[in-house]
Amino acid sequence: MGRPLTMNDLKNGTYLDIDGVCWVVIRFEHVKPGKGKAFVRTRMKSMKTGQVVERTIRSGDTLLSADVQFRRMSYLYTDGTDRHFMDQTNYEQAALSDDLLGDAPNYLLEGMEVDVVIFNGTPIGVNIPVKVDLRVTATVPGVKGDTVSNVTKEAEVETGVTVQVPLFINEGDVITVDTRDGSYVTRASTG
């Protein structure tokens, strides 16, 4: 059983146990109205169904943290319906459907280490690194001399997701992508 929380304990990534279902806070905003008590407006995602809801938490509302564990596992493969992960210490495997993983499949590469989130003994999601390096597999060539700042083009990376990149990025380049919003960060290498 998790520990009690107050509205001041909420932040992005907080896991809550609401009626036996694990929810994760994906956005929160402290609101201090001119009259009345402060409250927190949250956006939460069910780790069971993937449903996203908005909920207002007032001071005095009782919340319970979800008793989750994190196990370091390597991503193995997808079989079309599930993504398979393996614990490198004891070789136990876990399978998670894409519905539970949100945007994570856009950034998963075979062999990548992630933290698998476990609630009541059941894998319910993964925490992937904030930044990942991915190889560009398709993009239009950059035009020499086109140096207008903040101009981007689309590039497809090895996981199949499309990222907006600067014009100088070419096919075969390795770029760093921020997994929180899918944005280009920097060119990692050109090999």
Protein backbone atom coordinates (compact mmCIF):
# COMPACT_ATOMS: atom_id res chain seq x y z
CA MET A 1 0.00 0.00 0.00
CA GLY A 2 1.31 3.44 -0.93
CA ARG A 3 1.81 6.40 1.34
CA PRO A 4 -0.64 9.30 1.71
CA LEU A 5 0.01 12.36 -0.47
CA THR A 6 -1.18 15.94 -0.39
CA MET A 7 -1.82 18.16 -3.39
CA ASN A 8 1.61 19.74 -2.78
CA ASP A 9 3.29 16.36 -3.40
CA LEU A 10 2.00 16.18 -6.99
CA LYS A 11 4.38 16.66 -9.89
CA ASN A 12 4.82 15.25 -13.38
CA GLY A 13 5.56 11.53 -13.16
CA THR A 14 3.89 10.99 -9.76
CA TYR A 15 2.18 7.59 -9.63
CA LEU A 16 -1.17 7.49 -7.82
CA ASP A 17 -3.30 4.55 -6.66
CA ILE A 18 -6.94 5.46 -7.30
CA ASP A 19 -9.36 2.63 -6.49
CA GLY A 20 -6.69 -0.01 -7.17
CA VAL A 21 -5.73 1.42 -10.57
CA CYS A 22 -2.35 3.05 -11.14
CA TRP A 23 -2.45 6.56 -12.66
CA VAL A 24 0.49 8.77 -13.57
CA VAL A 25 0.35 12.58 -13.47
CA ILE A 26 1.36 13.88 -16.89
CA ARG A 27 0.62 17.55 -16.25
CA PHE A 28 -0.26 19.63 -13.22
CA GLU A 29 -0.92 23.27 -12.47
CA HIS A 30 -1.20 24.88 -9.04
CA VAL A 31 -4.07 27.39 -9.08
CA LYS A 32 -4.47 30.09 -6.43
CA PRO A 33 -7.79 31.84 -7.03
CA GLY A 34 -8.46 35.31 -5.59
CA LYS A 35 -11.16 33.82 -3.37
CA GLY A 36 -11.22 30.37 -1.90
CA LYS A 37 -8.56 27.75 -1.38
CA ALA A 38 -5.80 26.78 -3.76
CA PHE A 39 -6.18 23.64 -5.84
CA VAL A 40 -4.25 21.61 -8.39
CA ARG A 41 -5.56 20.99 -11.89
CA THR A 42 -4.08 17.71 -13.15
CA ARG A 43 -4.03 15.64 -16.30
CA MET A 44 -3.57 11.95 -15.49
CA LYS A 45 -3.14 8.82 -17.57
CA SER A 46 -4.42 5.41 -16.52
CA MET A 47 -1.57 2.90 -16.68
CA LYS A 48 -4.19 0.17 -17.15
CA THR A 49 -6.19 1.54 -20.08
CA GLY A 50 -4.17 4.49 -21.37
CA GLN A 51 -7.18 6.78 -20.81
CA VAL A 52 -6.26 10.41 -20.07
CA VAL A 53 -8.49 12.43 -17.75
CA GLU A 54 -8.41 15.85 -16.15
CA ARG A 55 -9.02 16.01 -12.42
CA THR A 56 -9.03 18.81 -9.87
CA ILE A 57 -7.35 18.06 -6.53
CA ARG A 58 -8.26 20.30 -3.61
CA SER A 59 -6.43 20.70 -0.32
CA GLY A 60 -7.90 18.11 1.99
CA ASP A 61 -8.43 15.53 -0.78
CA THR A 62 -6.76 12.28 0.19
CA LEU A 63 -4.44 10.76 -2.35
CA LEU A 64 -2.42 7.59 -2.18
CA SER A 65 0.88 7.05 -3.95
CA ALA A 66 0.95 3.91 -6.08
CA ASP A 67 3.36 1.28 -4.81
CA VAL A 68 5.36 0.85 -8.01
CA GLN A 69 8.73 -0.75 -8.55
CA PHE A 70 11.12 -0.13 -11.41
CA ARG A 71 13.10 -2.97 -13.00
CA ARG A 72 15.96 -2.29 -15.39
CA MET A 73 15.26 -4.32 -18.52
CA SER A 74 16.47 -4.45 -22.12
CA TYR A 75 14.09 -4.08 -25.04
CA LEU A 76 14.20 -7.25 -27.12
CA TYR A 77 11.67 -7.15 -29.97
CA THR A 78 8.06 -6.63 -31.03
CA ASP A 79 5.84 -9.44 -32.23
CA GLY A 80 3.31 -7.06 -33.77
CA THR A 81 1.07 -6.89 -30.70
CA ASP A 82 3.43 -6.71 -27.73
CA ARG A 83 6.90 -5.33 -26.98
CA HIS A 84 9.15 -7.79 -25.15
CA PHE A 85 11.67 -6.83 -22.46
CA MET A 86 14.19 -8.91 -20.49
CA ASP A 87 15.83 -8.44 -17.10
CA GLN A 88 19.57 -8.97 -17.75
CA THR A 89 20.23 -10.26 -14.21
CA ASN A 90 17.70 -13.11 -13.99
CA TYR A 91 16.53 -13.34 -17.64
CA GLU A 92 12.85 -12.89 -16.72
CA GLN A 93 10.82 -11.45 -19.56
CA ALA A 94 7.87 -9.07 -19.67
CA ALA A 95 5.54 -8.25 -22.54
CA LEU A 96 3.69 -4.94 -22.82
CA SER A 97 1.18 -3.86 -25.44
CA ASP A 98 1.72 -0.63 -27.37
CA ASP A 99 -1.47 0.72 -25.71
CA LEU A 100 0.33 0.74 -22.35
CA LEU A 101 3.52 2.25 -23.74
CA GLY A 102 2.18 5.54 -25.12
CA ASP A 103 4.85 7.19 -27.31
CA ALA A 104 7.69 4.94 -26.06
CA PRO A 105 7.63 2.62 -29.15
CA ASN A 106 8.62 5.65 -31.27
CA TYR A 107 12.01 5.65 -29.55
CA LEU A 108 12.71 2.01 -28.64
CA LEU A 109 15.68 0.29 -30.23
CA GLU A 110 16.63 -3.35 -29.75
CA GLY A 111 18.97 -3.69 -26.77
CA MET A 112 18.00 -0.31 -25.26
CA GLU A 113 17.82 -0.37 -21.46
CA VAL A 114 14.63 1.04 -19.92
CA ASP A 115 12.95 1.01 -16.52
CA VAL A 116 9.86 -1.20 -16.61
CA VAL A 117 7.18 0.05 -14.21
CA ILE A 118 5.63 -2.72 -12.12
CA PHE A 119 2.39 -2.27 -10.11
CA ASN A 120 0.99 -5.12 -7.99
CA GLY A 121 3.42 -7.53 -9.65
CA THR A 122 2.28 -6.64 -13.18
CA PRO A 123 4.33 -4.65 -15.74
CA ILE A 124 2.27 -1.57 -16.64
CA GLY A 125 4.64 0.69 -18.58
CA VAL A 126 8.18 1.84 -19.24
CA ASN A 127 10.28 4.90 -18.49
CA ILE A 128 12.56 5.54 -21.44
CA PRO A 129 15.58 7.86 -21.43
CA VAL A 130 14.79 11.56 -21.94
CA LYS A 131 17.21 11.71 -24.89
CA VAL A 132 17.92 8.95 -27.40
CA ASP A 133 20.21 8.78 -30.43
CA LEU A 134 18.49 7.61 -33.62
CA ARG A 135 19.80 7.21 -37.19
CA VAL A 136 18.04 9.17 -39.94
CA THR A 137 16.78 6.70 -42.56
CA ALA A 138 15.01 9.09 -44.94
CA THR A 139 14.99 12.84 -45.58
CA VAL A 140 15.32 15.21 -48.50
CA PRO A 141 18.89 16.42 -49.07
CA GLY A 142 19.87 19.80 -47.64
CA VAL A 143 20.42 22.62 -50.11
CA LYS A 144 23.96 24.02 -50.03
CA GLY A 145 23.97 27.64 -48.96
CA ASP A 146 20.46 27.49 -47.46
CA THR A 147 21.27 28.79 -43.99
CA VAL A 148 18.03 30.53 -43.03
CA SER A 149 17.73 29.98 -39.30
CA ASN A 150 14.85 27.99 -37.79
CA VAL A 151 13.91 26.34 -41.08
CA THR A 152 13.27 22.61 -40.69
CA LYS A 153 12.41 19.60 -42.77
CA GLU A 154 11.00 16.17 -41.98
CA ALA A 155 13.29 13.24 -41.35
CA GLU A 156 12.30 9.65 -40.68
CA VAL A 157 14.43 7.83 -38.11
CA GLU A 158 15.14 4.12 -37.73
CA THR A 159 12.13 3.53 -35.45
CA GLY A 160 9.78 4.87 -38.14
CA VAL A 161 8.84 8.13 -36.40
CA THR A 162 9.16 11.48 -38.20
CA VAL A 163 11.13 14.30 -36.57
CA GLN A 164 11.50 17.95 -37.62
CA VAL A 165 15.23 18.57 -38.15
CA PRO A 166 17.44 21.43 -39.43
CA LEU A 167 18.21 21.53 -43.15
CA PHE A 168 21.82 20.33 -42.72
CA ILE A 169 20.75 16.88 -41.43
CA ASN A 170 21.21 14.14 -44.02
CA GLU A 171 20.28 10.50 -44.41
CA GLY A 172 22.60 8.36 -42.28
CA ASP A 173 23.23 11.06 -39.66
CA VAL A 174 22.61 10.13 -36.04
CA ILE A 175 20.54 12.69 -34.19
CA THR A 176 19.58 13.12 -30.55
CA VAL A 177 15.82 13.31 -29.99
CA ASP A 178 13.98 14.47 -26.84
CA THR A 179 11.50 11.67 -26.08
CA ARG A 180 9.20 13.95 -24.06
CA ASP A 181 8.04 15.88 -27.13
CA GLY A 182 9.75 14.21 -30.11
CA SER A 183 11.90 17.24 -30.87
CA TYR A 184 15.36 17.35 -32.43
CA VAL A 185 18.12 18.23 -29.94
CA THR A 186 21.43 17.96 -31.81
CA ARG A 187 23.37 15.95 -34.37
CA ALA A 188 25.14 13.15 -32.51
CA SER A 189 27.47 12.04 -35.34
CA THR A 190 27.66 11.81 -39.10
CA GLY A 191 28.73 8.20 -39.45
